[in-house]
Amino acid sequence: MTFLWYIVVMKDKKDFIVTTTNGTRWAATGTSLANVRENFLTGIYGNIANVEAGSLFTHEEEAELKREKDIERCR
């Protein structure tokens, strides 16, 4: 039963953008805005100024970053 519950929980996760008080934007994944605020490591990254739904990168940017990472791994 635990395995099935894990699949359901992971399916409900969404992308969020967390902006810290120093202006740095971070990508985060969670089930809700409150979940992201609760699980974000404020001690390491700074205090949260804003959390908004959305992806930090577009699909094209993510594909380009993945391609660059694959090239670097081959070196």
C-alpha atoms as a PDB file:
ATOM      1  CA  MET A   1       0.000   0.000   0.000  1.00  0.00           C
ATOM      2  CA  THR A   2       2.839   2.432   0.712  1.00  0.00           C
ATOM      3  CA  PHE A   3       4.125   2.156  -2.850  1.00  0.00           C
ATOM      4  CA  LEU A   4       0.762   3.159  -4.353  1.00  0.00           C
ATOM      5  CA  TRP A   5       0.480   6.133  -1.994  1.00  0.00           C
ATOM      6  CA  TYR A   6       3.944   7.320  -3.057  1.00  0.00           C
ATOM      7  CA  ILE A   7       2.951   7.311  -6.740  1.00  0.00           C
ATOM      8  CA  VAL A   8      -0.184   9.364  -6.044  1.00  0.00           C
ATOM      9  CA  VAL A   9       1.751  11.934  -3.982  1.00  0.00           C
ATOM     10  CA  MET A  10       4.499  12.337  -6.608  1.00  0.00           C
ATOM     11  CA  LYS A  11       1.910  12.804  -9.376  1.00  0.00           C
ATOM     12  CA  ASP A  12       0.405  15.820  -7.586  1.00  0.00           C
ATOM     13  CA  LYS A  13       3.710  17.737  -7.327  1.00  0.00           C
ATOM     14  CA  LYS A  14       4.065  20.956  -9.314  1.00  0.00           C
ATOM     15  CA  ASP A  15       6.842  23.418 -10.145  1.00  0.00           C
ATOM     16  CA  PHE A  16       7.242  26.654  -8.188  1.00  0.00           C
ATOM     17  CA  ILE A  17       9.627  29.610  -8.238  1.00  0.00           C
ATOM     18  CA  VAL A  18      10.934  30.735  -4.843  1.00  0.00           C
ATOM     19  CA  THR A  19      12.433  34.227  -4.623  1.00  0.00           C
ATOM     20  CA  THR A  20      14.603  34.914  -1.582  1.00  0.00           C
ATOM     21  CA  THR A  21      15.040  38.296   0.112  1.00  0.00           C
ATOM     22  CA  ASN A  22      18.357  38.857  -1.679  1.00  0.00           C
ATOM     23  CA  GLY A  23      16.610  38.482  -5.079  1.00  0.00           C
ATOM     24  CA  THR A  24      17.856  35.001  -6.022  1.00  0.00           C
ATOM     25  CA  ARG A  25      15.271  32.806  -7.747  1.00  0.00           C
ATOM     26  CA  TRP A  26      15.183  29.064  -7.044  1.00  0.00           C
ATOM     27  CA  ALA A  27      13.217  26.217  -8.613  1.00  0.00           C
ATOM     28  CA  ALA A  28      11.213  24.145  -6.154  1.00  0.00           C
ATOM     29  CA  THR A  29       8.777  21.247  -6.410  1.00  0.00           C
ATOM     30  CA  GLY A  30       5.840  20.725  -4.090  1.00  0.00           C
ATOM     31  CA  THR A  31       2.153  19.990  -3.791  1.00  0.00           C
ATOM     32  CA  SER A  32       1.142  23.569  -2.887  1.00  0.00           C
ATOM     33  CA  LEU A  33       2.523  27.022  -2.098  1.00  0.00           C
ATOM     34  CA  ALA A  34       2.333  26.200   1.611  1.00  0.00           C
ATOM     35  CA  ASN A  35       4.191  22.915   1.083  1.00  0.00           C
ATOM     36  CA  VAL A  36       7.013  24.684  -0.762  1.00  0.00           C
ATOM     37  CA  ARG A  37       7.281  27.387   1.946  1.00  0.00           C
ATOM     38  CA  GLU A  38       7.409  24.686   4.632  1.00  0.00           C
ATOM     39  CA  ASN A  39      10.072  22.546   2.926  1.00  0.00           C
ATOM     40  CA  PHE A  40      12.344  25.251   1.485  1.00  0.00           C
ATOM     41  CA  LEU A  41      15.715  25.358   3.289  1.00  0.00           C
ATOM     42  CA  THR A  42      15.615  28.970   4.491  1.00  0.00           C
ATOM     43  CA  GLY A  43      18.682  28.575   6.682  1.00  0.00           C
ATOM     44  CA  ILE A  44      20.863  27.732   3.694  1.00  0.00           C
ATOM     45  CA  TYR A  45      19.381  29.847   0.897  1.00  0.00           C
ATOM     46  CA  GLY A  46      17.987  32.855   2.797  1.00  0.00           C
ATOM     47  CA  ASN A  47      14.520  33.971   3.792  1.00  0.00           C
ATOM     48  CA  ILE A  48      11.621  33.585   1.380  1.00  0.00           C
ATOM     49  CA  ALA A  49      10.309  36.812  -0.145  1.00  0.00           C
ATOM     50  CA  ASN A  50       7.864  35.281  -2.638  1.00  0.00           C
ATOM     51  CA  VAL A  51       6.623  31.907  -3.910  1.00  0.00           C
ATOM     52  CA  GLU A  52       4.794  31.631  -7.222  1.00  0.00           C
ATOM     53  CA  ALA A  53       3.593  28.777  -9.388  1.00  0.00           C
ATOM     54  CA  GLY A  54       5.550  28.185 -12.575  1.00  0.00           C
ATOM     55  CA  SER A  55       8.731  26.783 -13.985  1.00  0.00           C
ATOM     56  CA  LEU A  56      12.046  28.597 -13.645  1.00  0.00           C
ATOM     57  CA  PHE A  57      13.052  27.653 -17.215  1.00  0.00           C
ATOM     58  CA  THR A  58      11.060  27.139 -20.414  1.00  0.00           C
ATOM     59  CA  HIS A  59      10.999  23.675 -21.989  1.00  0.00           C
ATOM     60  CA  GLU A  60      13.449  24.865 -24.651  1.00  0.00           C
ATOM     61  CA  GLU A  61      15.875  26.194 -22.016  1.00  0.00           C
ATOM     62  CA  GLU A  62      15.633  22.946 -20.043  1.00  0.00           C
ATOM     63  CA  ALA A  63      16.391  20.917 -23.177  1.00  0.00           C
ATOM     64  CA  GLU A  64      19.401  23.120 -23.962  1.00  0.00           C
ATOM     65  CA  LEU A  65      20.728  22.836 -20.397  1.00  0.00           C
ATOM     66  CA  LYS A  66      20.298  19.046 -20.511  1.00  0.00           C
ATOM     67  CA  ARG A  67      22.170  18.880 -23.839  1.00  0.00           C
ATOM     68  CA  GLU A  68      25.038  20.979 -22.446  1.00  0.00           C
ATOM     69  CA  LYS A  69      25.187  18.807 -19.332  1.00  0.00           C
ATOM     70  CA  ASP A  70      25.308  15.638 -21.475  1.00  0.00           C
ATOM     71  CA  ILE A  71      28.192  17.089 -23.505  1.00  0.00           C
ATOM     72  CA  GLU A  72      30.129  17.951 -20.333  1.00  0.00           C
ATOM     73  CA  ARG A  73      29.613  14.421 -18.978  1.00  0.00           C
ATOM     74  CA  CYS A  74      31.217  12.952 -22.108  1.00  0.00           C
ATOM     75  CA  ARG A  75      34.459  14.902 -21.663  1.00  0.00           C
END
